[in-house]
Amino acid sequence: MCIRDRRRSASSFKSSQSRDKKKDYSSERRSQGSPQEGPLEHRVFVGNLSFDTTLEDLRNHMKSVGTIVKADIFKSSSGKSKGCGIVEYSTEEEARKAIQEMHRTSLNGRPLNVREVWFSKQKY
């Protein structure tokens, strides 16, 4: 084994050790949310939105299951809708109810996909 091979194997060993030592913060972020937003358990992801759906349309459709704290539709850098969004409810129970009752309901001619939020973004 030449010196160059030893260096490669040593560096790959160090990187695998540091990967093993890294703490997993995903469960903490999942329960806490970011400082400006409520817990992730209060939020639902709404997919398959029509590109013509407005924020007001989304709020009016989703408010039947609980009090909406915040709602947003994801947009591209050009301002066009990405066809999905987030709705935050005041309680976890309302969010669960939204998943159960609003999944596959129709909004602007499209069946919605409503599920729990699996990610956290600082700004959505």
PDB file of N, CA and C in Angstrom:
ATOM      1  N   MET A   1       0.848  -1.173   0.000  1.00  0.00           N
ATOM      2  CA  MET A   1       0.000   0.000   0.000  1.00  0.00           C
ATOM      3  C   MET A   1       0.893   1.235   0.000  1.00  0.00           C
ATOM      4  N   CYS A   2       0.660   2.120  -0.914  1.00  0.00           N
ATOM      5  CA  CYS A   2       1.474   3.327  -0.997  1.00  0.00           C
ATOM      6  C   CYS A   2       0.935   4.397  -0.035  1.00  0.00           C
ATOM      7  N   ILE A   3       1.680   5.438   0.151  1.00  0.00           N
ATOM      8  CA  ILE A   3       1.323   6.503   1.091  1.00  0.00           C
ATOM      9  C   ILE A   3      -0.003   7.153   0.684  1.00  0.00           C
ATOM     10  N   ARG A   4      -0.198   7.353  -0.608  1.00  0.00           N
ATOM     11  CA  ARG A   4      -1.416   7.991  -1.087  1.00  0.00           C
ATOM     12  C   ARG A   4      -2.647   7.155  -0.692  1.00  0.00           C
ATOM     13  N   ASP A   5      -2.557   5.836  -0.809  1.00  0.00           N
ATOM     14  CA  ASP A   5      -3.673   4.966  -0.428  1.00  0.00           C
ATOM     15  C   ASP A   5      -3.941   5.032   1.072  1.00  0.00           C
ATOM     16  N   ARG A   6      -2.884   5.119   1.853  1.00  0.00           N
ATOM     17  CA  ARG A   6      -3.055   5.225   3.308  1.00  0.00           C
ATOM     18  C   ARG A   6      -3.778   6.512   3.669  1.00  0.00           C
ATOM     19  N   ARG A   7      -3.421   7.604   3.006  1.00  0.00           N
ATOM     20  CA  ARG A   7      -4.081   8.874   3.280  1.00  0.00           C
ATOM     21  C   ARG A   7      -5.565   8.793   2.948  1.00  0.00           C
ATOM     22  N   ARG A   8      -5.881   8.182   1.825  1.00  0.00           N
ATOM     23  CA  ARG A   8      -7.289   8.053   1.442  1.00  0.00           C
ATOM     24  C   ARG A   8      -8.055   7.221   2.463  1.00  0.00           C
ATOM     25  N   SER A   9      -7.483   6.111   2.863  1.00  0.00           N
ATOM     26  CA  SER A   9      -8.196   5.251   3.809  1.00  0.00           C
ATOM     27  C   SER A   9      -8.324   5.927   5.165  1.00  0.00           C
ATOM     28  N   ALA A  10      -7.320   6.682   5.583  1.00  0.00           N
ATOM     29  CA  ALA A  10      -7.396   7.389   6.863  1.00  0.00           C
ATOM     30  C   ALA A  10      -8.448   8.493   6.811  1.00  0.00           C
ATOM     31  N   SER A  11      -8.508   9.218   5.697  1.00  0.00           N
ATOM     32  CA  SER A  11      -9.491  10.296   5.617  1.00  0.00           C
ATOM     33  C   SER A  11     -10.906   9.741   5.546  1.00  0.00           C
ATOM     34  N   SER A  12     -11.100   8.625   4.864  1.00  0.00           N
ATOM     35  CA  SER A  12     -12.443   8.055   4.812  1.00  0.00           C
ATOM     36  C   SER A  12     -12.832   7.486   6.168  1.00  0.00           C
ATOM     37  N   PHE A  13     -11.859   6.988   6.937  1.00  0.00           N
ATOM     38  CA  PHE A  13     -12.138   6.483   8.275  1.00  0.00           C
ATOM     39  C   PHE A  13     -12.560   7.637   9.190  1.00  0.00           C
ATOM     40  N   LYS A  14     -11.864   8.773   9.105  1.00  0.00           N
ATOM     41  CA  LYS A  14     -12.210   9.931   9.926  1.00  0.00           C
ATOM     42  C   LYS A  14     -13.604  10.450   9.595  1.00  0.00           C
ATOM     43  N   SER A  15     -13.923  10.526   8.308  1.00  0.00           N
ATOM     44  CA  SER A  15     -15.236  11.054   7.942  1.00  0.00           C
ATOM     45  C   SER A  15     -16.347  10.115   8.394  1.00  0.00           C
ATOM     46  N   SER A  16     -16.116   8.807   8.368  1.00  0.00           N
ATOM     47  CA  SER A  16     -17.153   7.887   8.831  1.00  0.00           C
ATOM     48  C   SER A  16     -17.309   7.971  10.348  1.00  0.00           C
ATOM     49  N   GLN A  17     -16.196   8.236  11.068  1.00  0.00           N
ATOM     50  CA  GLN A  17     -16.293   8.407  12.518  1.00  0.00           C
ATOM     51  C   GLN A  17     -17.083   9.665  12.853  1.00  0.00           C
ATOM     52  N   SER A  18     -16.808  10.765  12.175  1.00  0.00           N
ATOM     53  CA  SER A  18     -17.506  12.012  12.486  1.00  0.00           C
ATOM     54  C   SER A  18     -18.987  11.904  12.122  1.00  0.00           C
ATOM     55  N   ARG A  19     -19.309  11.143  11.074  1.00  0.00           N
ATOM     56  CA  ARG A  19     -20.714  10.945  10.723  1.00  0.00           C
ATOM     57  C   ARG A  19     -21.440  10.198  11.835  1.00  0.00           C
ATOM     58  N   ASP A  20     -20.785   9.210  12.425  1.00  0.00           N
ATOM     59  CA  ASP A  20     -21.399   8.422  13.489  1.00  0.00           C
ATOM     60  C   ASP A  20     -21.615   9.251  14.747  1.00  0.00           C
ATOM     61  N   LYS A  21     -20.772  10.258  14.992  1.00  0.00           N
ATOM     62  CA  LYS A  21     -20.859  11.060  16.206  1.00  0.00           C
ATOM     63  C   LYS A  21     -21.895  12.175  16.106  1.00  0.00           C
ATOM     64  N   LYS A  22     -22.321  12.523  14.897  1.00  0.00           N
ATOM     65  CA  LYS A  22     -23.262  13.630  14.736  1.00  0.00           C
ATOM     66  C   LYS A  22     -24.581  13.301  15.399  1.00  0.00           C
ATOM     67  N   LYS A  23     -25.104  14.284  16.124  1.00  0.00           N
ATOM     68  CA  LYS A  23     -26.372  14.110  16.809  1.00  0.00           C
ATOM     69  C   LYS A  23     -27.522  14.324  15.841  1.00  0.00           C
ATOM     70  N   ASP A  24     -28.558  13.528  15.970  1.00  0.00           N
ATOM     71  CA  ASP A  24     -29.734  13.665  15.120  1.00  0.00           C
ATOM     72  C   ASP A  24     -30.711  14.637  15.785  1.00  0.00           C
ATOM     73  N   TYR A  25     -30.859  15.817  15.201  1.00  0.00           N
ATOM     74  CA  TYR A  25     -31.745  16.839  15.740  1.00  0.00           C
ATOM     75  C   TYR A  25     -33.134  16.802  15.110  1.00  0.00           C
ATOM     76  N   SER A  26     -33.362  15.894  14.169  1.00  0.00           N
ATOM     77  CA  SER A  26     -34.626  15.908  13.440  1.00  0.00           C
ATOM     78  C   SER A  26     -35.827  15.691  14.352  1.00  0.00           C
ATOM     79  N   SER A  27     -35.716  14.830  15.361  1.00  0.00           N
ATOM     80  CA  SER A  27     -36.855  14.603  16.249  1.00  0.00           C
ATOM     81  C   SER A  27     -37.135  15.842  17.099  1.00  0.00           C
ATOM     82  N   GLU A  28     -36.081  16.562  17.505  1.00  0.00           N
ATOM     83  CA  GLU A  28     -36.283  17.786  18.274  1.00  0.00           C
ATOM     84  C   GLU A  28     -36.952  18.854  17.416  1.00  0.00           C
ATOM     85  N   ARG A  29     -36.483  19.030  16.172  1.00  0.00           N
ATOM     86  CA  ARG A  29     -37.078  20.014  15.284  1.00  0.00           C
ATOM     87  C   ARG A  29     -38.513  19.644  14.959  1.00  0.00           C
ATOM     88  N   ARG A  30     -38.770  18.363  14.822  1.00  0.00           N
ATOM     89  CA  ARG A  30     -40.112  17.904  14.474  1.00  0.00           C
ATOM     90  C   ARG A  30     -41.118  18.301  15.543  1.00  0.00           C
ATOM     91  N   SER A  31     -40.749  18.189  16.807  1.00  0.00           N
ATOM     92  CA  SER A  31     -41.702  18.502  17.861  1.00  0.00           C
ATOM     93  C   SER A  31     -41.754  19.996  18.174  1.00  0.00           C
ATOM     94  N   GLN A  32     -40.663  20.712  17.939  1.00  0.00           N
ATOM     95  CA  GLN A  32     -40.621  22.112  18.324  1.00  0.00           C
ATOM     96  C   GLN A  32     -40.979  23.077  17.209  1.00  0.00           C
ATOM     97  N   GLY A  33     -40.718  22.724  15.965  1.00  0.00           N
ATOM     98  CA  GLY A  33     -40.904  23.675  14.881  1.00  0.00           C
ATOM     99  C   GLY A  33     -39.836  24.749  14.991  1.00  0.00           C
ATOM    100  N   SER A  34     -39.910  25.763  14.188  1.00  0.00           N
ATOM    101  CA  SER A  34     -38.944  26.843  14.303  1.00  0.00           C
ATOM    102  C   SER A  34     -39.488  27.884  15.267  1.00  0.00           C
ATOM    103  N   PRO A  35     -38.659  28.794  15.764  1.00  0.00           N
ATOM    104  CA  PRO A  35     -39.115  29.762  16.758  1.00  0.00           C
ATOM    105  C   PRO A  35     -40.288  30.628  16.299  1.00  0.00           C
ATOM    106  N   GLN A  36     -40.389  30.915  14.991  1.00  0.00           N
ATOM    107  CA  GLN A  36     -41.447  31.785  14.507  1.00  0.00           C
ATOM    108  C   GLN A  36     -42.750  31.026  14.252  1.00  0.00           C
ATOM    109  N   GLU A  37     -42.706  29.712  14.241  1.00  0.00           N
ATOM    110  CA  GLU A  37     -43.860  28.912  13.868  1.00  0.00           C
ATOM    111  C   GLU A  37     -44.232  27.966  14.986  1.00  0.00           C
ATOM    112  N   GLY A  38     -45.450  27.459  14.934  1.00  0.00           N
ATOM    113  CA  GLY A  38     -45.888  26.477  15.913  1.00  0.00           C
ATOM    114  C   GLY A  38     -45.276  25.113  15.652  1.00  0.00           C
ATOM    115  N   PRO A  39     -45.594  24.151  16.513  1.00  0.00           N
ATOM    116  CA  PRO A  39     -45.055  22.802  16.343  1.00  0.00           C
ATOM    117  C   PRO A  39     -45.492  22.180  15.022  1.00  0.00           C
ATOM    118  N   LEU A  40     -44.654  21.290  14.490  1.00  0.00           N
ATOM    119  CA  LEU A  40     -44.986  20.617  13.232  1.00  0.00           C
ATOM    120  C   LEU A  40     -46.264  19.807  13.341  1.00  0.00           C
ATOM    121  N   GLU A  41     -46.587  19.322  14.527  1.00  0.00           N
ATOM    122  CA  GLU A  41     -47.780  18.507  14.701  1.00  0.00           C
ATOM    123  C   GLU A  41     -49.060  19.299  14.429  1.00  0.00           C
ATOM    124  N   HIS A  42     -48.981  20.612  14.429  1.00  0.00           N
ATOM    125  CA  HIS A  42     -50.148  21.460  14.181  1.00  0.00           C
ATOM    126  C   HIS A  42     -50.323  21.762  12.697  1.00  0.00           C
ATOM    127  N   ARG A  43     -49.367  21.342  11.871  1.00  0.00           N
ATOM    128  CA  ARG A  43     -49.375  21.691  10.458  1.00  0.00           C
ATOM    129  C   ARG A  43     -49.691  20.501   9.576  1.00  0.00           C
ATOM    130  N   VAL A  44     -50.338  20.770   8.450  1.00  0.00           N
ATOM    131  CA  VAL A  44     -50.590  19.738   7.452  1.00  0.00           C
ATOM    132  C   VAL A  44     -50.089  20.234   6.099  1.00  0.00           C
ATOM    133  N   PHE A  45     -49.635  19.297   5.306  1.00  0.00           N
ATOM    134  CA  PHE A  45     -49.207  19.573   3.940  1.00  0.00           C
ATOM    135  C   PHE A  45     -50.396  19.318   3.037  1.00  0.00           C
ATOM    136  N   VAL A  46     -50.657  20.239   2.124  1.00  0.00           N
ATOM    137  CA  VAL A  46     -51.772  20.098   1.180  1.00  0.00           C
ATOM    138  C   VAL A  46     -51.187  20.094  -0.226  1.00  0.00           C
ATOM    139  N   GLY A  47     -51.330  18.960  -0.899  1.00  0.00           N
ATOM    140  CA  GLY A  47     -50.785  18.822  -2.243  1.00  0.00           C
ATOM    141  C   GLY A  47     -51.875  18.693  -3.290  1.00  0.00           C
ATOM    142  N   ASN A  48     -51.464  18.734  -4.539  1.00  0.00           N
ATOM    143  CA  ASN A  48     -52.338  18.614  -5.703  1.00  0.00           C
ATOM    144  C   ASN A  48     -53.284  19.807  -5.840  1.00  0.00           C
ATOM    145  N   LEU A  49     -52.819  20.980  -5.421  1.00  0.00           N
ATOM    146  CA  LEU A  49     -53.617  22.189  -5.592  1.00  0.00           C
ATOM    147  C   LEU A  49     -53.584  22.621  -7.058  1.00  0.00           C
ATOM    148  N   SER A  50     -54.681  23.132  -7.532  1.00  0.00           N
ATOM    149  CA  SER A  50     -54.721  23.726  -8.862  1.00  0.00           C
ATOM    150  C   SER A  50     -53.829  24.970  -8.841  1.00  0.00           C
ATOM    151  N   PHE A  51     -53.189  25.259  -9.952  1.00  0.00           N
ATOM    152  CA  PHE A  51     -52.342  26.450 -10.023  1.00  0.00           C
ATOM    153  C   PHE A  51     -53.177  27.720  -9.895  1.00  0.00           C
ATOM    154  N   ASP A  52     -54.483  27.615 -10.109  1.00  0.00           N
ATOM    155  CA  ASP A  52     -55.375  28.762  -9.990  1.00  0.00           C
ATOM    156  C   ASP A  52     -55.895  28.969  -8.570  1.00  0.00           C
ATOM    157  N   THR A  53     -55.612  28.040  -7.659  1.00  0.00           N
ATOM    158  CA  THR A  53     -56.097  28.142  -6.279  1.00  0.00           C
ATOM    159  C   THR A  53     -55.412  29.297  -5.565  1.00  0.00           C
ATOM    160  N   THR A  54     -56.213  30.139  -4.940  1.00  0.00           N
ATOM    161  CA  THR A  54     -55.665  31.268  -4.182  1.00  0.00           C
ATOM    162  C   THR A  54     -55.548  30.879  -2.711  1.00  0.00           C
ATOM    163  N   LEU A  55     -54.832  31.692  -1.966  1.00  0.00           N
ATOM    164  CA  LEU A  55     -54.688  31.463  -0.536  1.00  0.00           C
ATOM    165  C   LEU A  55     -56.054  31.539   0.150  1.00  0.00           C
ATOM    166  N   GLU A  56     -56.888  32.444  -0.292  1.00  0.00           N
ATOM    167  CA  GLU A  56     -58.239  32.574   0.265  1.00  0.00           C
ATOM    168  C   GLU A  56     -59.060  31.306  -0.001  1.00  0.00           C
ATOM    169  N   ASP A  57     -58.949  30.738  -1.211  1.00  0.00           N
ATOM    170  CA  ASP A  57     -59.634  29.480  -1.534  1.00  0.00           C
ATOM    171  C   ASP A  57     -59.195  28.372  -0.575  1.00  0.00           C
ATOM    172  N   LEU A  58     -57.893  28.263  -0.370  1.00  0.00           N
ATOM    173  CA  LEU A  58     -57.344  27.222   0.500  1.00  0.00           C
ATOM    174  C   LEU A  58     -57.832  27.409   1.936  1.00  0.00           C
ATOM    175  N   ARG A  59     -57.752  28.629   2.446  1.00  0.00           N
ATOM    176  CA  ARG A  59     -58.212  28.908   3.814  1.00  0.00           C
ATOM    177  C   ARG A  59     -59.696  28.581   3.982  1.00  0.00           C
ATOM    178  N   ASN A  60     -60.521  29.028   3.037  1.00  0.00           N
ATOM    179  CA  ASN A  60     -61.964  28.773   3.130  1.00  0.00           C
ATOM    180  C   ASN A  60     -62.283  27.282   3.089  1.00  0.00           C
ATOM    181  N   HIS A  61     -61.542  26.540   2.294  1.00  0.00           N
ATOM    182  CA  HIS A  61     -61.792  25.097   2.185  1.00  0.00           C
ATOM    183  C   HIS A  61     -61.358  24.359   3.455  1.00  0.00           C
ATOM    184  N   MET A  62     -60.234  24.746   4.028  1.00  0.00           N
ATOM    185  CA  MET A  62     -59.651  24.011   5.151  1.00  0.00           C
ATOM    186  C   MET A  62     -60.184  24.460   6.513  1.00  0.00           C
ATOM    187  N   LYS A  63     -60.858  25.588   6.604  1.00  0.00           N
ATOM    188  CA  LYS A  63     -61.299  26.102   7.901  1.00  0.00           C
ATOM    189  C   LYS A  63     -62.459  25.312   8.502  1.00  0.00           C
ATOM    190  N   SER A  64     -63.083  24.428   7.759  1.00  0.00           N
ATOM    191  CA  SER A  64     -64.227  23.678   8.271  1.00  0.00           C
ATOM    192  C   SER A  64     -63.849  22.693   9.380  1.00  0.00           C
ATOM    193  N   VAL A  65     -62.562  22.349   9.499  1.00  0.00           N
ATOM    194  CA  VAL A  65     -62.151  21.396  10.529  1.00  0.00           C
ATOM    195  C   VAL A  65     -61.506  22.043  11.743  1.00  0.00           C
ATOM    196  N   GLY A  66     -61.220  23.335  11.686  1.00  0.00           N
ATOM    197  CA  GLY A  66     -60.610  23.979  12.844  1.00  0.00           C
ATOM    198  C   GLY A  66     -60.137  25.383  12.552  1.00  0.00           C
ATOM    199  N   THR A  67     -59.537  25.973  13.571  1.00  0.00           N
ATOM    200  CA  THR A  67     -59.036  27.345  13.496  1.00  0.00           C
ATOM    201  C   THR A  67     -57.676  27.357  12.806  1.00  0.00           C
ATOM    202  N   ILE A  68     -57.594  28.093  11.726  1.00  0.00           N
ATOM    203  CA  ILE A  68     -56.343  28.187  10.975  1.00  0.00           C
ATOM    204  C   ILE A  68     -55.509  29.326  11.549  1.00  0.00           C
ATOM    205  N   VAL A  69     -54.275  28.995  11.946  1.00  0.00           N
ATOM    206  CA  VAL A  69     -53.338  29.985  12.467  1.00  0.00           C
ATOM    207  C   VAL A  69     -52.589  30.636  11.317  1.00  0.00           C
ATOM    208  N   LYS A  70     -52.160  29.807  10.352  1.00  0.00           N
ATOM    209  CA  LYS A  70     -51.369  30.295   9.231  1.00  0.00           C
ATOM    210  C   LYS A  70     -51.565  29.349   8.059  1.00  0.00           C
ATOM    211  N   ALA A  71     -51.566  29.884   6.871  1.00  0.00           N
ATOM    212  CA  ALA A  71     -51.635  29.078   5.659  1.00  0.00           C
ATOM    213  C   ALA A  71     -50.779  29.736   4.601  1.00  0.00           C
ATOM    214  N   ASP A  72     -50.216  28.917   3.725  1.00  0.00           N
ATOM    215  CA  ASP A  72     -49.408  29.467   2.652  1.00  0.00           C
ATOM    216  C   ASP A  72     -49.383  28.490   1.488  1.00  0.00           C
ATOM    217  N   ILE A  73     -49.255  29.018   0.298  1.00  0.00           N
ATOM    218  CA  ILE A  73     -49.094  28.218  -0.910  1.00  0.00           C
ATOM    219  C   ILE A  73     -47.666  28.432  -1.392  1.00  0.00           C
ATOM    220  N   PHE A  74     -46.961  27.337  -1.662  1.00  0.00           N
ATOM    221  CA  PHE A  74     -45.583  27.445  -2.145  1.00  0.00           C
ATOM    222  C   PHE A  74     -45.581  28.036  -3.547  1.00  0.00           C
ATOM    223  N   LYS A  75     -44.619  28.931  -3.786  1.00  0.00           N
ATOM    224  CA  LYS A  75     -44.499  29.569  -5.098  1.00  0.00           C
ATOM    225  C   LYS A  75     -43.068  29.484  -5.585  1.00  0.00           C
ATOM    226  N   SER A  76     -42.918  29.441  -6.886  1.00  0.00           N
ATOM    227  CA  SER A  76     -41.582  29.427  -7.477  1.00  0.00           C
ATOM    228  C   SER A  76     -40.990  30.829  -7.407  1.00  0.00           C
ATOM    229  N   SER A  77     -39.735  30.958  -7.803  1.00  0.00           N
ATOM    230  CA  SER A  77     -39.087  32.272  -7.767  1.00  0.00           C
ATOM    231  C   SER A  77     -39.762  33.260  -8.722  1.00  0.00           C
ATOM    232  N   SER A  78     -40.471  32.731  -9.723  1.00  0.00           N
ATOM    233  CA  SER A  78     -41.184  33.609 -10.653  1.00  0.00           C
ATOM    234  C   SER A  78     -42.572  33.993 -10.143  1.00  0.00           C
ATOM    235  N   GLY A  79     -42.981  33.431  -8.992  1.00  0.00           N
ATOM    236  CA  GLY A  79     -44.263  33.771  -8.398  1.00  0.00           C
ATOM    237  C   GLY A  79     -45.399  32.825  -8.760  1.00  0.00           C
ATOM    238  N   LYS A  80     -45.107  31.801  -9.565  1.00  0.00           N
ATOM    239  CA  LYS A  80     -46.129  30.839  -9.971  1.00  0.00           C
ATOM    240  C   LYS A  80     -46.306  29.786  -8.872  1.00  0.00           C
ATOM    241  N   SER A  81     -47.542  29.372  -8.640  1.00  0.00           N
ATOM    242  CA  SER A  81     -47.831  28.363  -7.631  1.00  0.00           C
ATOM    243  C   SER A  81     -47.132  27.047  -7.957  1.00  0.00           C
ATOM    244  N   LYS A  82     -46.642  26.363  -6.923  1.00  0.00           N
ATOM    245  CA  LYS A  82     -46.052  25.043  -7.098  1.00  0.00           C
ATOM    246  C   LYS A  82     -47.083  23.933  -6.924  1.00  0.00           C
ATOM    247  N   GLY A  83     -48.322  24.305  -6.613  1.00  0.00           N
ATOM    248  CA  GLY A  83     -49.385  23.315  -6.496  1.00  0.00           C
ATOM    249  C   GLY A  83     -49.464  22.629  -5.149  1.00  0.00           C
ATOM    250  N   CYS A  84     -48.847  23.222  -4.135  1.00  0.00           N
ATOM    251  CA  CYS A  84     -48.918  22.646  -2.790  1.00  0.00           C
ATOM    252  C   CYS A  84     -48.750  23.757  -1.759  1.00  0.00           C
ATOM    253  N   GLY A  85     -49.092  23.439  -0.526  1.00  0.00           N
ATOM    254  CA  GLY A  85     -48.990  24.442   0.523  1.00  0.00           C
ATOM    255  C   GLY A  85     -49.037  23.817   1.903  1.00  0.00           C
ATOM    256  N   ILE A  86     -49.047  24.679   2.903  1.00  0.00           N
ATOM    257  CA  ILE A  86     -49.062  24.277   4.307  1.00  0.00           C
ATOM    258  C   ILE A  86     -50.201  25.015   4.997  1.00  0.00           C
ATOM    259  N   VAL A  87     -50.902  24.295   5.865  1.00  0.00           N
ATOM    260  CA  VAL A  87     -51.929  24.916   6.706  1.00  0.00           C
ATOM    261  C   VAL A  87     -51.588  24.578   8.148  1.00  0.00           C
ATOM    262  N   GLU A  88     -51.514  25.593   8.995  1.00  0.00           N
ATOM    263  CA  GLU A  88     -51.227  25.387  10.418  1.00  0.00           C
ATOM    264  C   GLU A  88     -52.504  25.639  11.213  1.00  0.00           C
ATOM    265  N   TYR A  89     -52.853  24.662  12.044  1.00  0.00           N
ATOM    266  CA  TYR A  89     -54.038  24.768  12.895  1.00  0.00           C
ATOM    267  C   TYR A  89     -53.627  25.110  14.317  1.00  0.00           C
ATOM    268  N   SER A  90     -54.598  25.499  15.133  1.00  0.00           N
ATOM    269  CA  SER A  90     -54.285  25.909  16.504  1.00  0.00           C
ATOM    270  C   SER A  90     -53.961  24.720  17.402  1.00  0.00           C
ATOM    271  N   THR A  91     -54.441  23.523  17.078  1.00  0.00           N
ATOM    272  CA  THR A  91     -54.142  22.342  17.899  1.00  0.00           C
ATOM    273  C   THR A  91     -53.751  21.159  17.025  1.00  0.00           C
ATOM    274  N   GLU A  92     -53.105  20.209  17.650  1.00  0.00           N
ATOM    275  CA  GLU A  92     -52.721  18.980  16.960  1.00  0.00           C
ATOM    276  C   GLU A  92     -53.962  18.175  16.561  1.00  0.00           C
ATOM    277  N   GLU A  93     -54.994  18.205  17.393  1.00  0.00           N
ATOM    278  CA  GLU A  93     -56.224  17.464  17.102  1.00  0.00           C
ATOM    279  C   GLU A  93     -56.889  17.986  15.831  1.00  0.00           C
ATOM    280  N   GLU A  94     -56.888  19.303  15.654  1.00  0.00           N
ATOM    281  CA  GLU A  94     -57.467  19.882  14.438  1.00  0.00           C
ATOM    282  C   GLU A  94     -56.669  19.465  13.207  1.00  0.00           C
ATOM    283  N   ALA A  95     -55.357  19.402  13.344  1.00  0.00           N
ATOM    284  CA  ALA A  95     -54.518  18.973  12.223  1.00  0.00           C
ATOM    285  C   ALA A  95     -54.814  17.514  11.870  1.00  0.00           C
ATOM    286  N   ARG A  96     -54.951  16.670  12.880  1.00  0.00           N
ATOM    287  CA  ARG A  96     -55.294  15.263  12.620  1.00  0.00           C
ATOM    288  C   ARG A  96     -56.657  15.141  11.953  1.00  0.00           C
ATOM    289  N   LYS A  97     -57.600  15.936  12.430  1.00  0.00           N
ATOM    290  CA  LYS A  97     -58.945  15.927  11.855  1.00  0.00           C
ATOM    291  C   LYS A  97     -58.888  16.366  10.392  1.00  0.00           C
ATOM    292  N   ALA A  98     -58.070  17.356  10.089  1.00  0.00           N
ATOM    293  CA  ALA A  98     -57.924  17.822   8.706  1.00  0.00           C
ATOM    294  C   ALA A  98     -57.382  16.708   7.818  1.00  0.00           C
ATOM    295  N   ILE A  99     -56.411  15.956   8.320  1.00  0.00           N
ATOM    296  CA  ILE A  99     -55.848  14.848   7.541  1.00  0.00           C
ATOM    297  C   ILE A  99     -56.922  13.806   7.262  1.00  0.00           C
ATOM    298  N   GLN A 100     -57.697  13.474   8.277  1.00  0.00           N
ATOM    299  CA  GLN A 100     -58.724  12.450   8.122  1.00  0.00           C
ATOM    300  C   GLN A 100     -59.885  12.904   7.242  1.00  0.00           C
ATOM    301  N   GLU A 101     -60.354  14.125   7.425  1.00  0.00           N
ATOM    302  CA  GLU A 101     -61.568  14.565   6.749  1.00  0.00           C
ATOM    303  C   GLU A 101     -61.344  15.298   5.434  1.00  0.00           C
ATOM    304  N   MET A 102     -60.197  15.937   5.271  1.00  0.00           N
ATOM    305  CA  MET A 102     -59.994  16.761   4.082  1.00  0.00           C
ATOM    306  C   MET A 102     -59.204  16.052   2.975  1.00  0.00           C
ATOM    307  N   HIS A 103     -58.570  14.922   3.303  1.00  0.00           N
ATOM    308  CA  HIS A 103     -57.826  14.163   2.296  1.00  0.00           C
ATOM    309  C   HIS A 103     -58.790  13.674   1.219  1.00  0.00           C
ATOM    310  N   ARG A 104     -58.446  13.912  -0.012  1.00  0.00           N
ATOM    311  CA  ARG A 104     -59.236  13.519  -1.190  1.00  0.00           C
ATOM    312  C   ARG A 104     -60.508  14.343  -1.398  1.00  0.00           C
ATOM    313  N   THR A 105     -60.683  15.437  -0.642  1.00  0.00           N
ATOM    314  CA  THR A 105     -61.806  16.329  -0.946  1.00  0.00           C
ATOM    315  C   THR A 105     -61.410  17.169  -2.157  1.00  0.00           C
ATOM    316  N   SER A 106     -62.380  17.698  -2.845  1.00  0.00           N
ATOM    317  CA  SER A 106     -62.124  18.419  -4.083  1.00  0.00           C
ATOM    318  C   SER A 106     -62.073  19.933  -3.839  1.00  0.00           C
ATOM    319  N   LEU A 107     -61.077  20.556  -4.418  1.00  0.00           N
ATOM    320  CA  LEU A 107     -60.946  22.017  -4.395  1.00  0.00           C
ATOM    321  C   LEU A 107     -60.571  22.458  -5.797  1.00  0.00           C
ATOM    322  N   ASN A 108     -61.389  23.300  -6.384  1.00  0.00           N
ATOM    323  CA  ASN A 108     -61.178  23.774  -7.761  1.00  0.00           C
ATOM    324  C   ASN A 108     -61.003  22.616  -8.747  1.00  0.00           C
ATOM    325  N   GLY A 109     -61.810  21.565  -8.534  1.00  0.00           N
ATOM    326  CA  GLY A 109     -61.816  20.445  -9.465  1.00  0.00           C
ATOM    327  C   GLY A 109     -60.700  19.438  -9.306  1.00  0.00           C
ATOM    328  N   ARG A 110     -59.929  19.525  -8.228  1.00  0.00           N
ATOM    329  CA  ARG A 110     -58.813  18.587  -8.020  1.00  0.00           C
ATOM    330  C   ARG A 110     -58.908  17.955  -6.634  1.00  0.00           C
ATOM    331  N   PRO A 111     -58.669  16.654  -6.532  1.00  0.00           N
ATOM    332  CA  PRO A 111     -58.676  16.004  -5.213  1.00  0.00           C
ATOM    333  C   PRO A 111     -57.399  16.345  -4.441  1.00  0.00           C
ATOM    334  N   LEU A 112     -57.560  16.849  -3.225  1.00  0.00           N
ATOM    335  CA  LEU A 112     -56.408  17.260  -2.428  1.00  0.00           C
ATOM    336  C   LEU A 112     -55.730  16.074  -1.759  1.00  0.00           C
ATOM    337  N   ASN A 113     -54.429  16.169  -1.625  1.00  0.00           N
ATOM    338  CA  ASN A 113     -53.652  15.219  -0.824  1.00  0.00           C
ATOM    339  C   ASN A 113     -53.283  15.949   0.461  1.00  0.00           C
ATOM    340  N   VAL A 114     -53.868  15.531   1.566  1.00  0.00           N
ATOM    341  CA  VAL A 114     -53.601  16.181   2.848  1.00  0.00           C
ATOM    342  C   VAL A 114     -52.887  15.168   3.730  1.00  0.00           C
ATOM    343  N   ARG A 115     -51.714  15.542   4.227  1.00  0.00           N
ATOM    344  CA  ARG A 115     -50.926  14.639   5.071  1.00  0.00           C
ATOM    345  C   ARG A 115     -50.151  15.449   6.097  1.00  0.00           C
ATOM    346  N   GLU A 116     -49.516  14.723   7.017  1.00  0.00           N
ATOM    347  CA  GLU A 116     -48.715  15.410   8.019  1.00  0.00           C
ATOM    348  C   GLU A 116     -47.478  16.017   7.372  1.00  0.00           C
ATOM    349  N   VAL A 117     -46.940  17.039   7.998  1.00  0.00           N
ATOM    350  CA  VAL A 117     -45.729  17.688   7.498  1.00  0.00           C
ATOM    351  C   VAL A 117     -44.531  16.831   7.892  1.00  0.00           C
ATOM    352  N   TRP A 118     -43.684  16.528   6.937  1.00  0.00           N
ATOM    353  CA  TRP A 118     -42.494  15.704   7.181  1.00  0.00           C
ATOM    354  C   TRP A 118     -41.219  16.505   7.182  1.00  0.00           C
ATOM    355  N   PHE A 119     -41.316  17.787   7.032  1.00  0.00           N
ATOM    356  CA  PHE A 119     -40.130  18.621   6.936  1.00  0.00           C
ATOM    357  C   PHE A 119     -40.379  19.937   7.646  1.00  0.00           C
ATOM    358  N   SER A 120     -39.299  20.636   7.874  1.00  0.00           N
ATOM    359  CA  SER A 120     -39.411  21.954   8.503  1.00  0.00           C
ATOM    360  C   SER A 120     -38.648  22.946   7.645  1.00  0.00           C
ATOM    361  N   LYS A 121     -39.270  24.039   7.348  1.00  0.00           N
ATOM    362  CA  LYS A 121     -38.611  25.105   6.605  1.00  0.00           C
ATOM    363  C   LYS A 121     -38.738  26.374   7.443  1.00  0.00           C
ATOM    364  N   GLN A 122     -37.711  27.194   7.423  1.00  0.00           N
ATOM    365  CA  GLN A 122     -37.761  28.441   8.182  1.00  0.00           C
ATOM    366  C   GLN A 122     -38.861  29.349   7.656  1.00  0.00           C
ATOM    367  N   LYS A 123     -39.015  29.363   6.341  1.00  0.00           N
ATOM    368  CA  LYS A 123     -40.024  30.222   5.737  1.00  0.00           C
ATOM    369  C   LYS A 123     -40.779  29.404   4.713  1.00  0.00           C
ATOM    370  N   TYR A 124     -42.077  29.263   4.873  1.00  0.00           N
ATOM    371  CA  TYR A 124     -42.865  28.528   3.889  1.00  0.00           C
ATOM    372  C   TYR A 124     -43.947  29.370   3.304  1.00  0.00           C
TER     373      TYR A 124
END
